[in-house]
Amino acid sequence: MSEFFGSIYCWLEDFFGIELAEYLWGESSPEQLNNMFIGIGLTMLVISLIVAVCYYYIINHPRLNNWWGWLIFLGINAVINFVVGWQWVLKDYYARSMVKKDAATQKMVDLPIYSDDILAFGVTNMLDAIIAFTIFSYIIKWWSTNCSRAPF
């Protein structure tokens, strides 16, 4: 499971930075030894599934049975998952957990991870959520009474 979530995020690790990817794997800081991709990835999947279920089964309005109605919910899902991914990692940044022990001085120094990298990770989480929402849409749309033909 950890390999799956790590690999879907590491498709874009050059975008958000190798240092941040290693930190999220739990490999670069003694302050953070867990694979954070699992928690972030599961959260992204659950949010995407909940938004898809809301669109197809709870809201389920005939006026939304077209591409733009589906696109509204895709956008809602994207924004929510961007904020979740960005804030999840930003919390550690502000807590100063992104550190390593300097080999020469044996003191803790900051990892070369910057706020732009964390913002880029939020975008990566958003892109993965768009793919997940699209997949969930094609899986669950068939049983919707009003929106079964959206997005296509």
Protein backbone atom coordinates (compact mmCIF):
# COMPACT_ATOMS: atom_id res chain seq x y z
CA MET A 1 0.00 0.00 0.00
CA SER A 2 2.79 2.44 0.86
CA GLU A 3 4.47 1.78 -2.49
CA PHE A 4 1.22 2.51 -4.33
CA PHE A 5 0.63 5.91 -2.74
CA GLY A 6 4.29 6.85 -2.91
CA SER A 7 4.43 6.02 -6.59
CA ILE A 8 1.31 8.02 -7.54
CA TYR A 9 2.76 11.09 -5.87
CA CYS A 10 6.29 10.54 -7.13
CA TRP A 11 5.13 10.79 -10.75
CA LEU A 12 5.52 14.51 -10.13
CA GLU A 13 8.29 14.52 -7.53
CA ASP A 14 10.45 16.64 -9.82
CA PHE A 15 7.68 19.25 -9.64
CA PHE A 16 7.54 19.44 -5.84
CA GLY A 17 11.13 18.45 -5.15
CA ILE A 18 13.14 15.34 -4.39
CA GLU A 19 13.92 16.60 -0.88
CA LEU A 20 10.23 16.92 -0.02
CA ALA A 21 9.54 13.51 -1.55
CA GLU A 22 12.23 11.92 0.62
CA TYR A 23 10.83 13.69 3.67
CA LEU A 24 7.32 12.40 2.90
CA TRP A 25 8.69 8.88 2.44
CA GLY A 26 10.08 9.21 5.98
CA GLU A 27 13.69 8.83 4.90
CA SER A 28 15.37 12.18 5.42
CA SER A 29 14.47 13.47 8.88
CA PRO A 30 14.75 11.90 12.33
CA GLU A 31 11.69 13.97 13.26
CA GLN A 32 9.47 12.21 10.71
CA LEU A 33 10.01 8.49 10.13
CA ASN A 34 6.58 7.49 8.77
CA ASN A 35 5.46 7.31 5.17
CA MET A 36 3.17 10.34 4.93
CA PHE A 37 2.05 9.40 1.42
CA ILE A 38 -0.28 6.76 2.88
CA GLY A 39 -2.29 9.18 5.01
CA ILE A 40 -2.39 11.92 2.39
CA GLY A 41 -3.25 9.48 -0.39
CA LEU A 42 -6.03 7.74 1.54
CA THR A 43 -7.48 11.11 2.48
CA MET A 44 -7.36 12.23 -1.14
CA LEU A 45 -9.16 9.07 -2.28
CA VAL A 46 -11.84 9.32 0.40
CA ILE A 47 -12.52 13.00 -0.36
CA SER A 48 -12.70 12.26 -4.10
CA LEU A 49 -15.12 9.38 -3.51
CA ILE A 50 -17.32 11.47 -1.19
CA VAL A 51 -17.53 14.33 -3.72
CA ALA A 52 -18.38 11.85 -6.52
CA VAL A 53 -21.07 10.20 -4.40
CA CYS A 54 -22.49 13.63 -3.53
CA TYR A 55 -22.68 14.55 -7.22
CA TYR A 56 -24.17 11.31 -8.49
CA TYR A 57 -26.42 10.25 -5.60
CA ILE A 58 -27.06 13.07 -3.12
CA ILE A 59 -27.31 16.21 -5.29
CA ASN A 60 -28.31 14.13 -8.35
CA HIS A 61 -30.10 17.03 -10.06
CA PRO A 62 -31.15 16.76 -13.74
CA ARG A 63 -29.75 20.24 -14.51
CA LEU A 64 -26.29 19.01 -13.54
CA ASN A 65 -26.43 16.03 -15.95
CA ASN A 66 -23.91 17.55 -18.36
CA TRP A 67 -20.22 18.23 -18.63
CA TRP A 68 -20.28 21.60 -16.83
CA GLY A 69 -22.22 20.21 -13.84
CA TRP A 70 -19.66 17.45 -13.52
CA LEU A 71 -16.85 19.99 -13.97
CA ILE A 72 -18.17 22.04 -11.03
CA PHE A 73 -17.84 19.02 -8.73
CA LEU A 74 -14.46 18.13 -10.22
CA GLY A 75 -13.33 21.66 -9.37
CA ILE A 76 -14.71 21.42 -5.82
CA ASN A 77 -12.84 18.14 -5.37
CA ALA A 78 -9.65 19.66 -6.80
CA VAL A 79 -9.75 22.71 -4.51
CA ILE A 80 -10.46 20.66 -1.38
CA ASN A 81 -7.63 18.24 -2.12
CA PHE A 82 -5.22 21.04 -2.98
CA VAL A 83 -5.84 22.64 0.42
CA VAL A 84 -5.60 19.30 2.25
CA GLY A 85 -2.28 18.32 0.62
CA TRP A 86 -0.80 21.78 1.01
CA GLN A 87 -1.83 22.24 4.65
CA TRP A 88 -0.91 18.69 5.69
CA VAL A 89 2.71 19.25 4.70
CA LEU A 90 2.79 22.94 5.65
CA LYS A 91 1.96 21.93 9.23
CA ASP A 92 5.29 20.08 9.47
CA TYR A 93 7.11 22.98 7.82
CA TYR A 94 5.84 25.43 10.43
CA ALA A 95 6.51 22.94 13.24
CA ARG A 96 10.15 22.89 12.04
CA SER A 97 10.08 19.10 11.68
CA MET A 98 11.86 19.21 8.32
CA VAL A 99 15.38 18.89 9.69
CA LYS A 100 18.39 16.58 9.42
CA LYS A 101 21.57 16.11 11.39
CA ASP A 102 24.55 17.82 9.80
CA ALA A 103 27.38 15.30 9.45
CA ALA A 104 30.11 17.83 10.17
CA THR A 105 28.64 19.69 13.14
CA GLN A 106 26.21 17.05 14.46
CA LYS A 107 23.60 19.82 14.78
CA MET A 108 20.11 19.79 13.34
CA VAL A 109 19.80 21.89 10.17
CA ASP A 110 16.79 22.61 7.97
CA LEU A 111 16.21 20.42 4.95
CA PRO A 112 16.28 22.33 1.65
CA ILE A 113 12.48 22.37 1.45
CA TYR A 114 10.73 25.67 0.78
CA SER A 115 7.16 26.93 0.86
CA ASP A 116 7.06 26.81 -2.96
CA ASP A 117 7.80 23.07 -2.82
CA ILE A 118 4.92 22.58 -0.40
CA LEU A 119 2.59 24.60 -2.62
CA ALA A 120 3.67 22.45 -5.57
CA PHE A 121 2.86 19.35 -3.51
CA GLY A 122 -0.65 20.73 -2.98
CA VAL A 123 -0.96 21.04 -6.77
CA THR A 124 0.28 17.45 -7.12
CA ASN A 125 -2.35 16.28 -4.64
CA MET A 126 -4.94 18.22 -6.64
CA LEU A 127 -3.88 16.58 -9.93
CA ASP A 128 -4.01 13.11 -8.37
CA ALA A 129 -7.47 13.95 -6.98
CA ILE A 130 -8.69 14.97 -10.44
CA ILE A 131 -7.61 11.58 -11.79
CA ALA A 132 -9.23 9.77 -8.83
CA PHE A 133 -12.50 11.71 -9.23
CA THR A 134 -12.61 10.88 -12.94
CA ILE A 135 -12.05 7.17 -12.25
CA PHE A 136 -14.68 7.14 -9.48
CA SER A 137 -17.10 8.92 -11.81
CA TYR A 138 -16.80 6.24 -14.45
CA ILE A 139 -17.23 3.51 -11.86
CA ILE A 140 -20.28 4.83 -9.98
CA LYS A 141 -22.18 6.97 -12.47
CA TRP A 142 -24.19 4.14 -14.02
CA TRP A 143 -26.61 3.81 -11.09
CA SER A 144 -27.40 7.53 -10.77
CA THR A 145 -31.01 8.35 -11.66
CA ASN A 146 -30.37 11.85 -13.05
CA CYS A 147 -26.63 12.20 -13.71
CA SER A 148 -25.69 8.88 -15.30
CA ARG A 149 -24.67 10.54 -18.57
CA ALA A 150 -22.28 13.07 -17.01
CA PRO A 151 -19.58 13.88 -17.89
CA PHE A 152 -19.98 11.99 -21.19
